Amino acid sequence: MTNDVATVVQGFILDRMGRPGLRGDLDPDGSLIDEQVLDSLGVLEVASFLEQHYLIEVDPVELVADNFESLNKIAGFVARKLAEPGRDPDAVRSTP
């Protein structure tokens, strides 16, 4: 599940948030913020995408580096959100 989320988010970043010179695979543990792949607006765009695609709610206090620093941290964040009580972990949109 975690690798799937990282792959989906990487695709979103590469396909829809095109930054000059950004191509190919991103390091799943690399800092998206330090490497200037994501800025504060980019974090909001990824959070909005996660809400729509995974049918989760991202609280403003969750928009921190601990959750959005890398693809793997984003994937872990989504996994935690999907594991919340009362959540159907399989409830995701079929298309990104």
N, C-alpha and C. Protein backbone atom coordinates (compact mmCIF):
# COMPACT_ATOMS: atom_id res chain seq x y z
N MET A 1 0.81 -1.20 0.00
CA MET A 1 0.00 0.00 0.00
C MET A 1 0.86 1.26 0.00
N THR A 2 1.87 1.29 0.88
CA THR A 2 2.69 2.49 1.00
C THR A 2 3.41 2.79 -0.32
N ASN A 3 3.98 1.76 -0.96
CA ASN A 3 4.66 1.98 -2.24
C ASN A 3 3.69 2.45 -3.29
N ASP A 4 2.46 1.93 -3.26
CA ASP A 4 1.45 2.36 -4.23
C ASP A 4 1.15 3.84 -4.07
N VAL A 5 1.01 4.30 -2.85
CA VAL A 5 0.73 5.72 -2.60
C VAL A 5 1.90 6.56 -3.08
N ALA A 6 3.12 6.16 -2.75
CA ALA A 6 4.30 6.91 -3.19
C ALA A 6 4.35 7.01 -4.71
N THR A 7 4.01 5.93 -5.39
CA THR A 7 4.01 5.92 -6.85
C THR A 7 2.94 6.84 -7.41
N VAL A 8 1.75 6.80 -6.83
CA VAL A 8 0.65 7.67 -7.28
C VAL A 8 1.01 9.14 -7.06
N VAL A 9 1.56 9.46 -5.89
CA VAL A 9 1.92 10.85 -5.59
C VAL A 9 3.06 11.31 -6.50
N GLN A 10 4.04 10.44 -6.72
CA GLN A 10 5.12 10.79 -7.64
C GLN A 10 4.56 11.11 -9.02
N GLY A 11 3.64 10.29 -9.50
CA GLY A 11 3.01 10.55 -10.79
C GLY A 11 2.30 11.88 -10.82
N PHE A 12 1.59 12.20 -9.75
CA PHE A 12 0.90 13.49 -9.67
C PHE A 12 1.90 14.64 -9.74
N ILE A 13 2.95 14.54 -8.96
CA ILE A 13 3.96 15.61 -8.93
C ILE A 13 4.61 15.77 -10.30
N LEU A 14 5.01 14.67 -10.91
CA LEU A 14 5.71 14.74 -12.20
C LEU A 14 4.78 15.16 -13.33
N ASP A 15 3.54 14.67 -13.33
CA ASP A 15 2.62 14.93 -14.44
C ASP A 15 1.90 16.26 -14.33
N ARG A 16 1.51 16.63 -13.13
CA ARG A 16 0.61 17.77 -12.99
C ARG A 16 1.22 18.99 -12.33
N MET A 17 2.37 18.82 -11.75
CA MET A 17 2.99 19.96 -11.07
C MET A 17 4.34 20.24 -11.70
N GLY A 18 4.41 20.10 -13.00
CA GLY A 18 5.68 20.21 -13.71
C GLY A 18 6.54 21.37 -13.26
N ARG A 19 7.66 21.06 -12.72
CA ARG A 19 8.67 22.05 -12.37
C ARG A 19 9.79 21.92 -13.40
N PRO A 20 10.37 23.01 -13.85
CA PRO A 20 11.46 22.94 -14.83
C PRO A 20 12.57 22.00 -14.36
N GLY A 21 12.98 21.12 -15.24
CA GLY A 21 14.06 20.19 -14.94
C GLY A 21 13.66 18.99 -14.12
N LEU A 22 12.38 18.86 -13.78
CA LEU A 22 11.91 17.75 -12.96
C LEU A 22 11.42 16.64 -13.88
N ARG A 23 12.12 15.51 -13.83
CA ARG A 23 11.71 14.38 -14.65
C ARG A 23 12.23 13.10 -14.03
N GLY A 24 11.70 11.99 -14.51
CA GLY A 24 12.16 10.69 -14.02
C GLY A 24 11.67 10.39 -12.62
N ASP A 25 12.30 9.41 -12.01
CA ASP A 25 11.92 8.99 -10.67
C ASP A 25 12.46 9.94 -9.62
N LEU A 26 11.66 10.16 -8.61
CA LEU A 26 12.09 10.94 -7.45
C LEU A 26 12.55 9.97 -6.37
N ASP A 27 13.55 10.35 -5.61
CA ASP A 27 14.02 9.52 -4.50
C ASP A 27 12.89 9.47 -3.46
N PRO A 28 12.40 8.27 -3.14
CA PRO A 28 11.27 8.17 -2.20
C PRO A 28 11.56 8.73 -0.81
N ASP A 29 12.84 8.79 -0.43
CA ASP A 29 13.21 9.34 0.87
C ASP A 29 13.83 10.73 0.76
N GLY A 30 13.99 11.23 -0.46
CA GLY A 30 14.57 12.56 -0.66
C GLY A 30 13.61 13.65 -0.23
N SER A 31 14.15 14.75 0.22
CA SER A 31 13.33 15.86 0.69
C SER A 31 12.75 16.62 -0.49
N LEU A 32 11.44 16.53 -0.65
CA LEU A 32 10.76 17.26 -1.72
C LEU A 32 10.80 18.76 -1.47
N ILE A 33 10.94 19.14 -0.23
CA ILE A 33 10.96 20.56 0.14
C ILE A 33 12.38 21.12 -0.05
N ASP A 34 13.38 20.45 0.52
CA ASP A 34 14.75 20.93 0.39
C ASP A 34 15.23 20.92 -1.05
N GLU A 35 14.75 19.96 -1.84
CA GLU A 35 15.14 19.86 -3.24
C GLU A 35 14.27 20.76 -4.12
N GLN A 36 13.42 21.56 -3.51
CA GLN A 36 12.55 22.53 -4.17
C GLN A 36 11.62 21.90 -5.21
N VAL A 37 11.23 20.66 -4.94
CA VAL A 37 10.21 20.02 -5.76
C VAL A 37 8.86 20.56 -5.32
N LEU A 38 8.68 20.74 -4.00
CA LEU A 38 7.45 21.30 -3.45
C LEU A 38 7.78 22.55 -2.65
N ASP A 39 6.98 23.57 -2.86
CA ASP A 39 7.01 24.74 -1.99
C ASP A 39 5.70 24.70 -1.19
N SER A 40 5.40 25.75 -0.47
CA SER A 40 4.20 25.72 0.38
C SER A 40 2.93 25.54 -0.45
N LEU A 41 2.87 26.17 -1.61
CA LEU A 41 1.71 25.99 -2.48
C LEU A 41 1.66 24.56 -3.02
N GLY A 42 2.81 23.99 -3.33
CA GLY A 42 2.87 22.62 -3.80
C GLY A 42 2.38 21.62 -2.76
N VAL A 43 2.71 21.88 -1.50
CA VAL A 43 2.22 21.01 -0.42
C VAL A 43 0.70 21.07 -0.38
N LEU A 44 0.13 22.27 -0.53
CA LEU A 44 -1.33 22.40 -0.55
C LEU A 44 -1.93 21.66 -1.74
N GLU A 45 -1.28 21.72 -2.90
CA GLU A 45 -1.78 21.02 -4.08
C GLU A 45 -1.75 19.51 -3.87
N VAL A 46 -0.67 19.01 -3.28
CA VAL A 46 -0.59 17.57 -2.99
C VAL A 46 -1.65 17.18 -1.97
N ALA A 47 -1.83 18.00 -0.94
CA ALA A 47 -2.85 17.70 0.08
C ALA A 47 -4.24 17.65 -0.54
N SER A 48 -4.53 18.58 -1.42
CA SER A 48 -5.83 18.59 -2.11
C SER A 48 -5.99 17.34 -2.97
N PHE A 49 -4.94 16.96 -3.67
CA PHE A 49 -4.98 15.74 -4.47
C PHE A 49 -5.24 14.52 -3.58
N LEU A 50 -4.55 14.44 -2.45
CA LEU A 50 -4.74 13.31 -1.54
C LEU A 50 -6.18 13.24 -1.04
N GLU A 51 -6.74 14.40 -0.70
CA GLU A 51 -8.13 14.43 -0.24
C GLU A 51 -9.08 13.91 -1.31
N GLN A 52 -8.86 14.32 -2.53
CA GLN A 52 -9.75 13.91 -3.62
C GLN A 52 -9.54 12.46 -4.01
N HIS A 53 -8.29 12.05 -4.10
CA HIS A 53 -8.00 10.70 -4.59
C HIS A 53 -8.26 9.62 -3.53
N TYR A 54 -7.84 9.89 -2.31
CA TYR A 54 -7.96 8.88 -1.24
C TYR A 54 -9.15 9.11 -0.33
N LEU A 55 -9.94 10.14 -0.64
CA LEU A 55 -11.15 10.44 0.13
C LEU A 55 -10.85 10.59 1.62
N ILE A 56 -9.79 11.35 1.90
CA ILE A 56 -9.40 11.64 3.28
C ILE A 56 -9.52 13.14 3.51
N GLU A 57 -9.46 13.53 4.77
CA GLU A 57 -9.47 14.95 5.10
C GLU A 57 -8.12 15.31 5.72
N VAL A 58 -7.46 16.29 5.14
CA VAL A 58 -6.18 16.76 5.66
C VAL A 58 -6.44 18.03 6.46
N ASP A 59 -6.22 17.93 7.75
CA ASP A 59 -6.40 19.07 8.64
C ASP A 59 -5.23 20.04 8.44
N PRO A 60 -5.48 21.34 8.50
CA PRO A 60 -4.38 22.30 8.33
C PRO A 60 -3.17 22.05 9.23
N VAL A 61 -3.40 21.55 10.45
CA VAL A 61 -2.27 21.28 11.35
C VAL A 61 -1.43 20.09 10.88
N GLU A 62 -1.94 19.34 9.91
CA GLU A 62 -1.20 18.18 9.38
C GLU A 62 -0.31 18.56 8.19
N LEU A 63 -0.37 19.82 7.76
CA LEU A 63 0.42 20.29 6.62
C LEU A 63 1.83 20.66 7.09
N VAL A 64 2.55 19.67 7.58
CA VAL A 64 3.89 19.86 8.12
C VAL A 64 4.87 18.92 7.44
N ALA A 65 6.16 19.25 7.57
CA ALA A 65 7.20 18.45 6.93
C ALA A 65 7.16 16.99 7.37
N ASP A 66 6.78 16.73 8.61
CA ASP A 66 6.71 15.33 9.08
C ASP A 66 5.78 14.50 8.21
N ASN A 67 4.81 15.13 7.56
CA ASN A 67 3.87 14.41 6.71
C ASN A 67 4.14 14.59 5.22
N PHE A 68 4.81 15.65 4.82
CA PHE A 68 4.95 15.98 3.39
C PHE A 68 6.40 16.16 2.93
N GLU A 69 7.37 15.78 3.73
CA GLU A 69 8.78 15.97 3.38
C GLU A 69 9.23 15.11 2.21
N SER A 70 8.76 13.87 2.15
CA SER A 70 9.21 12.95 1.10
C SER A 70 8.02 12.11 0.63
N LEU A 71 8.24 11.40 -0.46
CA LEU A 71 7.18 10.51 -0.96
C LEU A 71 6.83 9.46 0.08
N ASN A 72 7.84 8.90 0.75
CA ASN A 72 7.55 7.88 1.77
C ASN A 72 6.82 8.47 2.97
N LYS A 73 7.13 9.71 3.35
CA LYS A 73 6.40 10.33 4.46
C LYS A 73 4.95 10.61 4.07
N ILE A 74 4.74 11.03 2.84
CA ILE A 74 3.37 11.24 2.35
C ILE A 74 2.62 9.92 2.36
N ALA A 75 3.27 8.86 1.88
CA ALA A 75 2.63 7.54 1.84
C ALA A 75 2.28 7.07 3.25
N GLY A 76 3.18 7.28 4.21
CA GLY A 76 2.90 6.90 5.60
C GLY A 76 1.74 7.70 6.17
N PHE A 77 1.69 8.98 5.84
CA PHE A 77 0.59 9.84 6.29
C PHE A 77 -0.74 9.32 5.76
N VAL A 78 -0.79 9.01 4.47
CA VAL A 78 -2.03 8.50 3.87
C VAL A 78 -2.41 7.17 4.52
N ALA A 79 -1.44 6.30 4.74
CA ALA A 79 -1.72 5.01 5.38
C ALA A 79 -2.33 5.22 6.77
N ARG A 80 -1.79 6.18 7.53
CA ARG A 80 -2.35 6.46 8.86
C ARG A 80 -3.78 6.99 8.76
N LYS A 81 -4.01 7.88 7.79
CA LYS A 81 -5.36 8.44 7.61
C LYS A 81 -6.35 7.33 7.23
N LEU A 82 -5.92 6.43 6.36
CA LEU A 82 -6.81 5.35 5.92
C LEU A 82 -7.07 4.33 7.03
N ALA A 83 -6.17 4.28 8.00
CA ALA A 83 -6.31 3.32 9.10
C ALA A 83 -7.12 3.88 10.27
N GLU A 84 -7.57 5.12 10.15
CA GLU A 84 -8.36 5.72 11.22
C GLU A 84 -9.64 4.92 11.44
N PRO A 85 -10.10 4.82 12.67
CA PRO A 85 -11.32 4.08 12.97
C PRO A 85 -12.50 4.55 12.12
N GLY A 86 -13.25 3.60 11.63
CA GLY A 86 -14.44 3.90 10.84
C GLY A 86 -14.16 4.16 9.37
N ARG A 87 -12.90 4.11 8.96
CA ARG A 87 -12.51 4.37 7.57
C ARG A 87 -12.45 3.06 6.81
N ASP A 88 -12.93 3.07 5.59
CA ASP A 88 -12.74 1.93 4.70
C ASP A 88 -11.43 2.15 3.97
N PRO A 89 -10.38 1.36 4.28
CA PRO A 89 -9.08 1.59 3.66
C PRO A 89 -9.06 1.39 2.14
N ASP A 90 -10.10 0.76 1.62
CA ASP A 90 -10.16 0.53 0.17
C ASP A 90 -10.97 1.62 -0.54
N ALA A 91 -11.45 2.60 0.21
CA ALA A 91 -12.26 3.67 -0.39
C ALA A 91 -11.35 4.71 -1.03
N VAL A 92 -11.07 4.52 -2.30
CA VAL A 92 -10.28 5.49 -3.07
C VAL A 92 -10.93 5.66 -4.42
N ARG A 93 -10.68 6.78 -5.03
CA ARG A 93 -11.17 7.00 -6.38
C ARG A 93 -10.39 6.11 -7.34
N SER A 94 -11.03 5.69 -8.40
CA SER A 94 -10.37 4.78 -9.33
C SER A 94 -9.36 5.47 -10.22
N THR A 95 -9.47 6.78 -10.39
CA THR A 95 -8.53 7.49 -11.23
C THR A 95 -7.95 8.66 -10.45
N PRO A 96 -6.65 8.92 -10.65
CA PRO A 96 -6.03 10.04 -9.94
C PRO A 96 -6.54 11.37 -10.40
